[in-house]
Amino acid sequence: MAAQEAAGGGTGSGTGPMAERCAFFVQRKRRFCKMVPAPGRRFCGEHGQHEKENDRKRIPCPLDPKHTVYEDQLQKHLKKCNSREKPKPVYFVQDINAGVKDVAEIPADQVTLSSLPKEELENLIVKLKKASHGLEFDLKEQVLSHQALQEALNDPKNGDSAFKHLKQQASILGNMEKLHLLGPGRCFVEFGAGRGKLSHWVDIALQDVENIQFLLVERATTRFKVDGKHKRRDSIFERLQVDIQHLCLNKVPILEKKKLPVVGIGKHLCGAATDLALRCLVESYATCCNEENEEPAPKRTKNEAEGASYSSNDDDNERNKDDFKPVAGIVIALCCHHKCDWTHYVGREFFRSVGLGPVEFHYFQRMSSWATCGMRGTITKASTDEESEDDTTNTEEHDQAYSKTETASDALQGLLTVEERKEIGSLCKFLIDHGRIRYLQHRGYKAALQYYTDSSVSLENVLLTAVPETTT
């Protein structure tokens, strides 16, 4: 136990370090480090400063203090450290999708929701109900499936966790098929792609279709990727490691070259990421593509014009140009309204039209978590499922955020019942989503919200869909 006391200062876990493993006790994880030390050493390189006979000093890395480095090798380490600033990709444009920062920002000393005086909370609820009056609150159920996932759905080897995710993915693909978005000559952009499972199933669904591309947008370096395991050679998968806030699709080489119609997809796109993705699609990509399509065609000689006037290929090109829609469709499973941000929110115009602003939005997005009041056990189970399927840190954040919000709402039990809070929370989520629908409608899209799976499968069971309005 001396190793514990010297290395980690912890009380110990009752057992010593594993054989041939580092003797450092990691207090945060309440276990010994599992790294393998060099022959003859008790500690790994990361914890080597605890070797009594080692006179080399280790210091925190200045780029990321979560790890250490030998002081005499600092300069060498800085050149290869994974935390070093890397050259920005060509499609990185600072804050291109961030939105305009509002002059009426929320005060830094904003009172927490649980500390609001009773009168102010009641006033917020009155404003919420007034703004929601007249809106179609009952969403249509669109729980669909797709043949591409039937074999996996019927595989007994899949447990409850995998089954829940497969049902969601199947319904997303079913809704895409109903909107005629599963077709050739398109680029599918998966926002918040994680391991890339949703794109994987889209690719399976389009196994007999040619000329399709996939762009998987994920700011984190995600492990266990599935997009590199596809056997088809005619479908191209490319990962874009960038925050959606800074992604300019027009500068992605494949889109810059081909100007393909894009289908934006996402499964549980968290909070503000949904707004960033919508702006990336309908403001950044669609606007630039339309501007380029409106450029006058180059002049042709008289002979060229006469020779081309009866060309079927020329007619097809003109027809394709007229029919070209930069964004063919959007299908996003919404998530985590409590993590939305007024600066990035695309529905600010709608909020202002009903007499609301950044302060009300701040409280509404916090109150949105009330929709899951009394479901702590279900949330924990859902988080575990999500974690085992996608191996991302998002689920831990979901769980923590919900727990904190529930703790805050517990202080309001004398004012509102659990059922009242659930109703208000659902109304807040709907109002935020309705602002997104209005945003898309004002930009020429037929947009809708629907339940795409049962709440027993996922508490976040609302799907946002949008396709360009057809003109007659």
Protein backbone atom coordinates (compact mmCIF):
# COMPACT_ATOMS: atom_id res chain seq x y z
CA MET A 1 0.00 0.00 0.00
CA ALA A 2 3.04 2.27 0.11
CA ALA A 3 2.69 2.79 -3.61
CA GLN A 4 -0.83 4.11 -3.05
CA GLU A 5 0.18 6.55 -0.38
CA ALA A 6 3.17 7.85 -2.32
CA ALA A 7 1.55 7.91 -5.72
CA GLY A 8 -2.08 8.83 -5.38
CA GLY A 9 -2.75 9.70 -1.79
CA GLY A 10 -5.91 7.59 -1.93
CA THR A 11 -7.38 5.25 0.59
CA GLY A 12 -7.04 2.35 -1.81
CA SER A 13 -9.44 -0.05 -3.41
CA GLY A 14 -8.60 -3.01 -1.23
CA THR A 15 -6.19 -4.58 -3.74
CA GLY A 16 -2.79 -3.68 -5.12
CA PRO A 17 -1.87 -2.85 -8.70
CA MET A 18 -2.26 -5.47 -11.41
CA ALA A 19 0.76 -7.58 -12.26
CA GLU A 20 3.26 -5.81 -14.51
CA ARG A 21 1.15 -2.63 -14.42
CA CYS A 22 1.83 0.87 -13.09
CA ALA A 23 1.74 1.24 -9.29
CA PHE A 24 0.14 4.72 -9.40
CA PHE A 25 -3.28 4.96 -7.76
CA VAL A 26 -5.62 7.16 -9.84
CA GLN A 27 -7.74 8.87 -7.21
CA ARG A 28 -10.36 10.11 -9.68
CA LYS A 29 -11.02 6.59 -10.98
CA ARG A 30 -10.37 4.91 -7.62
CA ARG A 31 -8.13 2.30 -9.15
CA PHE A 32 -4.51 1.75 -10.12
CA CYS A 33 -3.17 2.93 -13.47
CA LYS A 34 -3.28 0.17 -16.08
CA MET A 35 -0.35 1.37 -18.19
CA VAL A 36 2.66 -0.91 -18.56
CA PRO A 37 5.91 0.49 -17.04
CA ALA A 38 9.33 0.00 -18.58
CA PRO A 39 11.27 -3.11 -17.47
CA GLY A 40 12.56 -2.66 -13.93
CA ARG A 41 10.24 0.28 -13.21
CA ARG A 42 7.22 0.45 -10.90
CA PHE A 43 5.55 3.39 -12.65
CA CYS A 44 4.67 4.14 -16.28
CA GLY A 45 6.14 7.10 -18.13
CA GLU A 46 3.19 9.32 -17.23
CA HIS A 47 3.71 8.70 -13.51
CA GLY A 48 7.47 8.17 -13.63
CA GLN A 49 8.13 11.14 -11.33
CA HIS A 50 7.20 8.88 -8.42
CA GLU A 51 10.22 6.65 -8.99
CA LYS A 52 12.53 7.43 -6.06
CA GLU A 53 15.61 6.54 -8.06
CA ASN A 54 14.51 8.69 -10.99
CA ASP A 55 16.06 12.16 -10.91
CA ARG A 56 14.35 13.30 -14.15
CA LYS A 57 11.60 15.80 -13.50
CA ARG A 58 8.18 15.58 -15.12
CA ILE A 59 6.08 18.70 -15.60
CA PRO A 60 2.53 19.32 -16.87
CA CYS A 61 2.37 19.79 -20.62
CA PRO A 62 1.79 23.50 -21.33
CA LEU A 63 -0.60 22.58 -24.16
CA ASP A 64 -2.70 20.24 -22.04
CA PRO A 65 -1.95 19.97 -18.29
CA LYS A 66 -3.92 16.72 -18.12
CA HIS A 67 -0.74 14.89 -19.05
CA THR A 68 2.92 15.33 -18.11
CA VAL A 69 6.24 15.23 -19.91
CA TYR A 70 9.89 15.00 -18.94
CA GLU A 71 11.20 18.56 -18.58
CA ASP A 72 14.35 17.80 -20.57
CA GLN A 73 12.19 16.53 -23.48
CA LEU A 74 9.63 19.34 -23.50
CA GLN A 75 10.58 20.90 -26.84
CA LYS A 76 10.59 17.52 -28.57
CA HIS A 77 7.20 16.70 -27.05
CA LEU A 78 5.61 20.00 -28.10
CA LYS A 79 6.30 19.21 -31.76
CA LYS A 80 4.28 15.99 -31.65
CA CYS A 81 1.79 16.56 -28.81
CA ASN A 82 -1.76 15.67 -29.85
CA SER A 83 -2.96 18.89 -28.20
CA ARG A 84 -0.84 21.14 -30.40
CA GLU A 85 -2.64 23.54 -32.71
CA LYS A 86 -3.00 21.95 -36.09
CA PRO A 87 -3.35 23.73 -39.44
CA LYS A 88 -6.97 24.67 -40.11
CA PRO A 89 -8.63 22.74 -42.96
CA VAL A 90 -9.74 24.63 -46.05
CA TYR A 91 -13.40 24.35 -45.00
CA PHE A 92 -12.75 26.05 -41.64
CA VAL A 93 -14.23 29.57 -41.60
CA GLN A 94 -14.27 31.16 -38.17
CA ASP A 95 -17.83 31.47 -36.76
CA ILE A 96 -19.48 31.24 -40.19
CA ASN A 97 -22.53 29.51 -38.69
CA ALA A 98 -22.45 31.13 -35.24
CA GLY A 99 -25.16 33.72 -35.83
CA VAL A 100 -25.09 37.39 -34.93
CA LYS A 101 -24.34 38.17 -31.31
CA ASP A 102 -27.33 39.98 -29.85
CA VAL A 103 -26.71 43.35 -28.24
CA ALA A 104 -29.19 42.53 -25.49
CA GLU A 105 -27.17 39.70 -24.00
CA ILE A 106 -28.30 37.89 -20.89
CA PRO A 107 -26.72 39.52 -17.81
CA ALA A 108 -23.75 37.62 -16.42
CA ASP A 109 -25.33 37.54 -12.96
CA GLN A 110 -28.57 35.94 -14.22
CA VAL A 111 -30.59 34.46 -11.34
CA THR A 112 -30.78 30.68 -11.44
CA LEU A 113 -34.13 29.08 -12.20
CA SER A 114 -34.49 27.61 -8.72
CA SER A 115 -33.78 31.03 -7.16
CA LEU A 116 -36.39 32.94 -9.15
CA PRO A 117 -39.05 34.70 -7.06
CA LYS A 118 -42.47 33.08 -7.32
CA GLU A 119 -43.94 36.10 -9.14
CA GLU A 120 -41.24 36.08 -11.83
CA LEU A 121 -41.60 32.35 -12.42
CA GLU A 122 -45.37 32.68 -12.75
CA ASN A 123 -44.88 35.56 -15.18
CA LEU A 124 -42.55 33.41 -17.31
CA ILE A 125 -45.14 30.63 -17.43
CA VAL A 126 -47.83 33.13 -18.48
CA LYS A 127 -45.55 34.38 -21.30
CA LEU A 128 -44.82 30.81 -22.37
CA LYS A 129 -48.49 29.88 -22.63
CA LYS A 130 -49.39 33.11 -24.39
CA ALA A 131 -46.62 32.61 -26.99
CA SER A 132 -47.71 28.99 -27.54
CA HIS A 133 -51.41 29.84 -27.92
CA GLY A 134 -52.73 28.90 -31.34
CA LEU A 135 -49.75 26.71 -32.30
CA GLU A 136 -50.33 23.11 -33.33
CA PHE A 137 -48.94 21.37 -30.27
CA ASP A 138 -50.01 17.77 -31.02
CA LEU A 139 -47.31 16.27 -33.21
CA LYS A 140 -48.01 13.56 -35.73
CA GLU A 141 -46.59 10.10 -35.08
CA GLN A 142 -44.26 8.96 -37.83
CA VAL A 143 -42.79 5.78 -36.33
CA LEU A 144 -41.49 4.09 -39.47
CA SER A 145 -38.91 1.46 -40.37
CA HIS A 146 -36.67 0.50 -43.26
CA GLN A 147 -35.83 -2.80 -44.89
CA ALA A 148 -32.09 -2.13 -44.60
CA LEU A 149 -32.23 -2.69 -40.84
CA GLN A 150 -34.63 -5.63 -40.69
CA GLU A 151 -31.91 -8.26 -40.42
CA ALA A 152 -30.22 -6.37 -37.57
CA LEU A 153 -33.54 -5.76 -35.83
CA ASN A 154 -34.28 -9.48 -35.92
CA ASP A 155 -30.81 -10.53 -34.78
CA PRO A 156 -31.14 -12.10 -31.29
CA LYS A 157 -27.51 -11.24 -30.57
CA ASN A 158 -28.46 -7.57 -30.22
CA GLY A 159 -29.42 -6.62 -26.69
CA ASP A 160 -31.90 -4.00 -25.52
CA SER A 161 -29.38 -1.19 -25.94
CA ALA A 162 -28.57 -1.96 -29.58
CA PHE A 163 -32.23 -2.70 -30.33
CA LYS A 164 -33.31 0.77 -29.17
CA HIS A 165 -30.74 2.47 -31.37
CA LEU A 166 -31.61 0.29 -34.35
CA LYS A 167 -35.30 1.19 -34.00
CA GLN A 168 -34.43 4.89 -34.01
CA GLN A 169 -32.11 4.55 -37.00
CA ALA A 170 -34.71 2.49 -38.86
CA SER A 171 -37.37 5.16 -38.29
CA ILE A 172 -35.03 7.94 -39.40
CA LEU A 173 -34.33 6.06 -42.63
CA GLY A 174 -38.04 5.33 -43.05
CA ASN A 175 -38.80 9.04 -42.79
CA MET A 176 -36.02 9.83 -45.27
CA GLU A 177 -37.49 7.32 -47.72
CA LYS A 178 -40.96 8.81 -47.32
CA LEU A 179 -39.53 12.22 -48.21
CA HIS A 180 -37.75 10.71 -51.27
CA LEU A 181 -34.33 11.64 -49.90
CA LEU A 182 -32.71 8.25 -50.43
CA GLY A 183 -31.51 8.58 -53.99
CA PRO A 184 -28.45 8.85 -56.26
CA GLY A 185 -26.29 11.88 -56.95
CA ARG A 186 -26.42 13.25 -53.42
CA CYS A 187 -24.10 14.00 -50.56
CA PHE A 188 -25.27 12.94 -47.12
CA VAL A 189 -23.83 15.15 -44.38
CA GLU A 190 -24.13 13.60 -40.92
CA PHE A 191 -23.75 16.25 -38.23
CA GLY A 192 -22.48 15.09 -34.85
CA ALA A 193 -21.60 11.81 -36.56
CA GLY A 194 -19.80 10.07 -33.69
CA ARG A 195 -18.98 6.59 -34.96
CA GLY A 196 -20.96 7.19 -38.14
CA LYS A 197 -23.66 4.57 -37.58
CA LEU A 198 -26.47 6.58 -39.19
CA SER A 199 -24.44 7.11 -42.38
CA HIS A 200 -23.58 3.41 -42.29
CA TRP A 201 -27.25 2.44 -42.49
CA VAL A 202 -27.98 5.02 -45.19
CA ASP A 203 -25.17 3.45 -47.21
CA ILE A 204 -26.65 -0.02 -46.67
CA ALA A 205 -30.05 1.27 -47.80
CA LEU A 206 -28.46 2.65 -50.97
CA GLN A 207 -26.29 -0.36 -51.78
CA ASP A 208 -27.63 -0.53 -55.35
CA VAL A 209 -27.41 3.22 -55.92
CA GLU A 210 -24.45 4.94 -57.59
CA ASN A 211 -22.80 8.32 -57.13
CA ILE A 212 -23.33 9.01 -53.45
CA GLN A 213 -21.00 10.74 -50.99
CA PHE A 214 -20.89 10.90 -47.21
CA LEU A 215 -19.43 13.66 -45.08
CA LEU A 216 -19.25 12.84 -41.38
CA VAL A 217 -18.92 15.99 -39.28
CA GLU A 218 -17.54 15.44 -35.77
CA ARG A 219 -15.33 17.78 -33.75
CA ALA A 220 -14.03 14.97 -31.54
CA THR A 221 -11.57 12.29 -32.56
CA THR A 222 -14.01 9.42 -32.30
CA ARG A 223 -12.90 5.84 -31.72
CA PHE A 224 -14.45 2.69 -33.17
CA LYS A 225 -15.40 4.32 -36.48
CA VAL A 226 -17.50 2.21 -38.81
CA ASP A 227 -17.20 4.39 -41.92
CA GLY A 228 -13.80 2.90 -42.81
CA LYS A 229 -15.18 -0.63 -43.01
CA HIS A 230 -17.48 -0.33 -45.99
CA LYS A 231 -16.92 -2.78 -48.80
CA ARG A 232 -18.49 -0.67 -51.52
CA ARG A 233 -15.95 1.23 -53.58
CA ASP A 234 -18.40 3.62 -55.23
CA SER A 235 -19.52 5.33 -52.00
CA ILE A 236 -17.06 7.80 -50.54
CA PHE A 237 -16.83 8.45 -46.80
CA GLU A 238 -14.92 11.49 -45.59
CA ARG A 239 -14.60 12.71 -42.02
CA LEU A 240 -14.52 16.42 -41.26
CA GLN A 241 -13.03 16.99 -37.82
CA VAL A 242 -14.38 20.47 -37.20
CA ASP A 243 -16.92 22.23 -35.01
CA ILE A 244 -20.14 22.82 -36.97
CA GLN A 245 -19.87 26.47 -35.95
CA HIS A 246 -16.88 26.88 -38.29
CA LEU A 247 -17.86 24.53 -41.14
CA CYS A 248 -18.22 26.01 -44.62
CA LEU A 249 -19.60 23.21 -46.78
CA ASN A 250 -18.90 25.13 -49.98
CA LYS A 251 -15.18 24.84 -49.31
CA VAL A 252 -15.21 21.08 -48.79
CA PRO A 253 -13.30 19.87 -51.90
CA ILE A 254 -15.85 17.27 -53.02
CA LEU A 255 -18.73 19.77 -52.81
CA GLU A 256 -16.68 22.61 -54.25
CA LYS A 257 -15.96 20.43 -57.25
CA LYS A 258 -19.32 18.71 -57.79
CA LYS A 259 -21.89 21.05 -56.16
CA LEU A 260 -23.98 18.06 -55.16
CA PRO A 261 -27.39 18.45 -53.53
CA VAL A 262 -26.93 17.86 -49.82
CA VAL A 263 -29.08 15.90 -47.36
CA GLY A 264 -28.36 16.95 -43.78
CA ILE A 265 -28.92 14.20 -41.21
CA GLY A 266 -28.29 13.72 -37.50
CA LYS A 267 -29.31 11.45 -34.64
CA HIS A 268 -29.69 13.28 -31.32
CA LEU A 269 -27.90 16.43 -32.42
CA CYS A 270 -27.29 18.13 -29.11
CA GLY A 271 -28.68 21.57 -28.24
CA ALA A 272 -27.11 24.44 -30.16
CA ALA A 273 -25.51 22.01 -32.63
CA THR A 274 -28.90 21.70 -34.35
CA ASP A 275 -29.08 25.45 -34.91
CA LEU A 276 -25.48 25.55 -36.16
CA ALA A 277 -26.24 22.71 -38.59
CA LEU A 278 -29.40 24.39 -39.93
CA ARG A 279 -27.53 27.64 -40.52
CA CYS A 280 -24.66 25.72 -42.12
CA LEU A 281 -27.07 24.16 -44.60
CA VAL A 282 -29.63 26.84 -45.49
CA GLU A 283 -27.53 29.98 -45.10
CA SER A 284 -23.97 28.94 -45.88
CA TYR A 285 -24.26 26.18 -48.48
CA ALA A 286 -27.64 26.90 -50.08
CA THR A 287 -27.07 30.65 -50.43
CA CYS A 288 -23.63 30.32 -52.00
CA CYS A 289 -24.80 27.62 -54.41
CA ASN A 290 -27.78 29.71 -55.52
CA GLU A 291 -25.59 32.75 -56.08
CA GLU A 292 -23.25 30.73 -58.29
CA ASN A 293 -26.16 29.24 -60.25
CA GLU A 294 -27.44 32.74 -60.97
CA GLU A 295 -24.21 33.74 -62.70
CA PRO A 296 -24.72 34.40 -66.44
CA ALA A 297 -23.65 31.61 -68.76
CA PRO A 298 -20.55 32.24 -70.90
CA LYS A 299 -21.22 33.62 -74.38
CA ARG A 300 -21.22 31.19 -77.29
CA THR A 301 -20.56 31.71 -80.95
CA LYS A 302 -23.42 31.60 -83.43
CA ASN A 303 -22.34 28.17 -84.72
CA GLU A 304 -22.10 26.79 -81.18
CA ALA A 305 -25.52 28.11 -80.33
CA GLU A 306 -27.12 26.65 -83.46
CA GLY A 307 -25.41 23.32 -82.97
CA ALA A 308 -26.48 23.13 -79.35
CA SER A 309 -30.03 24.38 -79.75
CA TYR A 310 -31.34 20.93 -80.62
CA SER A 311 -29.06 18.98 -78.30
CA SER A 312 -30.89 16.78 -75.81
CA ASN A 313 -27.85 16.95 -73.52
CA ASP A 314 -28.11 20.73 -73.45
CA ASP A 315 -31.80 20.49 -72.60
CA ASP A 316 -31.00 18.06 -69.80
CA ASN A 317 -28.32 20.36 -68.42
CA GLU A 318 -30.68 23.33 -68.40
CA ARG A 319 -33.41 21.25 -66.78
CA ASN A 320 -31.01 19.95 -64.13
CA LYS A 321 -29.85 23.48 -63.44
CA ASP A 322 -33.43 24.65 -62.93
CA ASP A 323 -34.26 21.67 -60.72
CA PHE A 324 -31.07 21.83 -58.65
CA LYS A 325 -31.72 22.32 -54.96
CA PRO A 326 -28.52 22.82 -52.93
CA VAL A 327 -30.19 21.31 -49.86
CA ALA A 328 -32.39 18.41 -50.91
CA GLY A 329 -33.57 17.75 -47.38
CA ILE A 330 -32.94 17.82 -43.65
CA VAL A 331 -33.72 15.03 -41.18
CA ILE A 332 -32.49 15.59 -37.62
CA ALA A 333 -33.49 13.85 -34.39
CA LEU A 334 -33.54 16.67 -31.84
CA CYS A 335 -31.92 16.55 -28.43
CA CYS A 336 -30.94 18.48 -25.28
CA HIS A 337 -32.89 21.73 -25.55
CA HIS A 338 -31.42 22.75 -22.20
CA LYS A 339 -28.07 23.16 -24.00
CA CYS A 340 -29.38 25.60 -26.61
CA ASP A 341 -27.86 29.06 -26.88
CA TRP A 342 -29.56 32.33 -27.82
CA THR A 343 -26.58 33.50 -29.90
CA HIS A 344 -26.74 30.42 -32.13
CA TYR A 345 -30.52 29.92 -32.05
CA VAL A 346 -32.10 30.25 -35.50
CA GLY A 347 -35.60 31.03 -34.17
CA ARG A 348 -34.84 34.41 -32.62
CA GLU A 349 -37.04 36.20 -35.15
CA PHE A 350 -40.00 34.04 -34.13
CA PHE A 351 -39.34 34.60 -30.42
CA ARG A 352 -39.29 38.37 -30.91
CA SER A 353 -42.52 38.21 -32.94
CA VAL A 354 -44.33 36.80 -29.90
CA GLY A 355 -42.81 39.29 -27.47
CA LEU A 356 -39.95 37.13 -26.16
CA GLY A 357 -36.22 37.74 -26.01
CA PRO A 358 -32.91 36.34 -24.73
CA VAL A 359 -33.89 36.42 -21.06
CA GLU A 360 -37.07 34.39 -21.62
CA PHE A 361 -35.17 32.03 -23.92
CA HIS A 362 -32.56 31.47 -21.21
CA TYR A 363 -35.20 30.36 -18.72
CA PHE A 364 -37.26 28.40 -21.23
CA GLN A 365 -34.28 26.34 -22.33
CA ARG A 366 -33.56 25.52 -18.68
CA MET A 367 -37.22 24.72 -18.01
CA SER A 368 -37.28 22.39 -21.03
CA SER A 369 -35.70 19.67 -18.88
CA TRP A 370 -38.81 19.63 -16.74
CA ALA A 371 -40.33 17.52 -19.52
CA THR A 372 -38.50 14.54 -18.02
CA CYS A 373 -39.42 15.13 -14.36
CA GLY A 374 -39.79 11.87 -12.47
CA MET A 375 -37.86 9.91 -15.11
CA ARG A 376 -34.44 9.84 -13.42
CA GLY A 377 -34.21 6.04 -13.58
CA THR A 378 -35.26 5.96 -17.22
CA ILE A 379 -32.70 8.63 -18.09
CA THR A 380 -29.91 6.75 -16.39
CA LYS A 381 -30.84 3.60 -18.28
CA ALA A 382 -31.08 5.49 -21.57
CA SER A 383 -27.69 7.06 -20.93
CA THR A 384 -26.14 3.67 -20.32
CA ASP A 385 -27.65 2.40 -23.56
CA GLU A 386 -26.40 5.38 -25.52
CA GLU A 387 -22.94 5.00 -24.04
CA SER A 388 -22.62 1.35 -24.96
CA GLU A 389 -23.80 1.99 -28.51
CA ASP A 390 -21.94 5.11 -29.55
CA ASP A 391 -19.07 5.31 -27.06
CA THR A 392 -19.35 9.07 -26.82
CA THR A 393 -19.20 11.44 -23.89
CA ASN A 394 -22.48 13.09 -24.86
CA THR A 395 -24.55 10.69 -22.81
CA GLU A 396 -22.66 11.49 -19.64
CA GLU A 397 -23.35 15.16 -20.27
CA HIS A 398 -27.04 14.39 -20.87
CA ASP A 399 -27.28 12.50 -17.59
CA GLN A 400 -25.49 15.18 -15.57
CA ALA A 401 -27.50 18.01 -17.06
CA TYR A 402 -30.81 16.28 -16.41
CA SER A 403 -29.82 15.43 -12.85
CA LYS A 404 -28.80 19.01 -12.10
CA THR A 405 -32.01 20.37 -13.54
CA GLU A 406 -34.13 17.91 -11.58
CA THR A 407 -32.32 18.92 -8.40
CA ALA A 408 -33.17 22.54 -9.13
CA SER A 409 -36.80 21.71 -9.90
CA ASP A 410 -37.14 19.78 -6.64
CA ALA A 411 -36.94 23.13 -4.86
CA LEU A 412 -40.12 24.17 -6.73
CA GLN A 413 -42.24 21.25 -5.60
CA GLY A 414 -44.30 23.52 -3.36
CA LEU A 415 -45.20 25.71 -6.35
CA LEU A 416 -45.65 23.24 -9.21
CA THR A 417 -46.59 19.58 -9.28
CA VAL A 418 -44.51 17.07 -11.23
CA GLU A 419 -47.19 16.84 -13.93
CA GLU A 420 -47.34 20.64 -14.26
CA ARG A 421 -43.58 20.84 -14.65
CA LYS A 422 -43.62 18.08 -17.27
CA GLU A 423 -46.28 19.97 -19.23
CA ILE A 424 -44.36 23.26 -19.01
CA GLY A 425 -41.10 21.55 -19.97
CA SER A 426 -42.69 19.98 -23.04
CA LEU A 427 -44.16 23.36 -24.00
CA CYS A 428 -40.70 24.96 -23.76
CA LYS A 429 -39.19 22.31 -26.01
CA PHE A 430 -41.99 22.70 -28.52
CA LEU A 431 -41.67 26.50 -28.59
CA ILE A 432 -37.93 26.31 -29.24
CA ASP A 433 -38.48 23.76 -32.00
CA HIS A 434 -41.31 25.79 -33.52
CA GLY A 435 -38.87 28.69 -33.90
CA ARG A 436 -36.67 26.37 -35.95
CA ILE A 437 -39.63 25.39 -38.12
CA ARG A 438 -40.50 29.04 -38.77
CA TYR A 439 -36.87 29.73 -39.68
CA LEU A 440 -36.91 26.98 -42.30
CA GLN A 441 -40.32 27.99 -43.65
CA HIS A 442 -39.19 31.57 -44.17
CA ARG A 443 -36.30 30.22 -46.25
CA GLY A 444 -38.45 28.19 -48.61
CA TYR A 445 -38.65 24.80 -46.91
CA LYS A 446 -41.61 22.64 -46.04
CA ALA A 447 -40.67 21.81 -42.45
CA ALA A 448 -42.37 19.68 -39.81
CA LEU A 449 -41.95 18.05 -36.40
CA GLN A 450 -43.07 14.51 -35.66
CA TYR A 451 -42.61 11.75 -33.11
CA TYR A 452 -40.33 9.26 -34.84
CA THR A 453 -40.04 6.73 -32.02
CA ASP A 454 -41.79 5.83 -28.77
CA SER A 455 -40.74 7.57 -25.55
CA SER A 456 -39.90 4.15 -24.09
CA VAL A 457 -37.20 3.85 -26.75
CA SER A 458 -35.87 7.40 -26.32
CA LEU A 459 -37.04 10.35 -24.26
CA GLU A 460 -35.76 12.58 -27.07
CA ASN A 461 -38.20 11.28 -29.69
CA VAL A 462 -38.93 14.29 -31.91
CA LEU A 463 -37.68 14.41 -35.50
CA LEU A 464 -37.31 17.62 -37.51
CA THR A 465 -37.71 17.20 -41.27
CA ALA A 466 -37.52 19.73 -44.08
CA VAL A 467 -37.57 19.63 -47.88
CA PRO A 468 -37.62 22.50 -50.38
CA GLU A 469 -41.07 23.85 -51.23
CA THR A 470 -42.10 22.82 -54.74
CA THR A 471 -43.07 25.61 -57.08
CA THR A 472 -45.72 25.15 -59.74
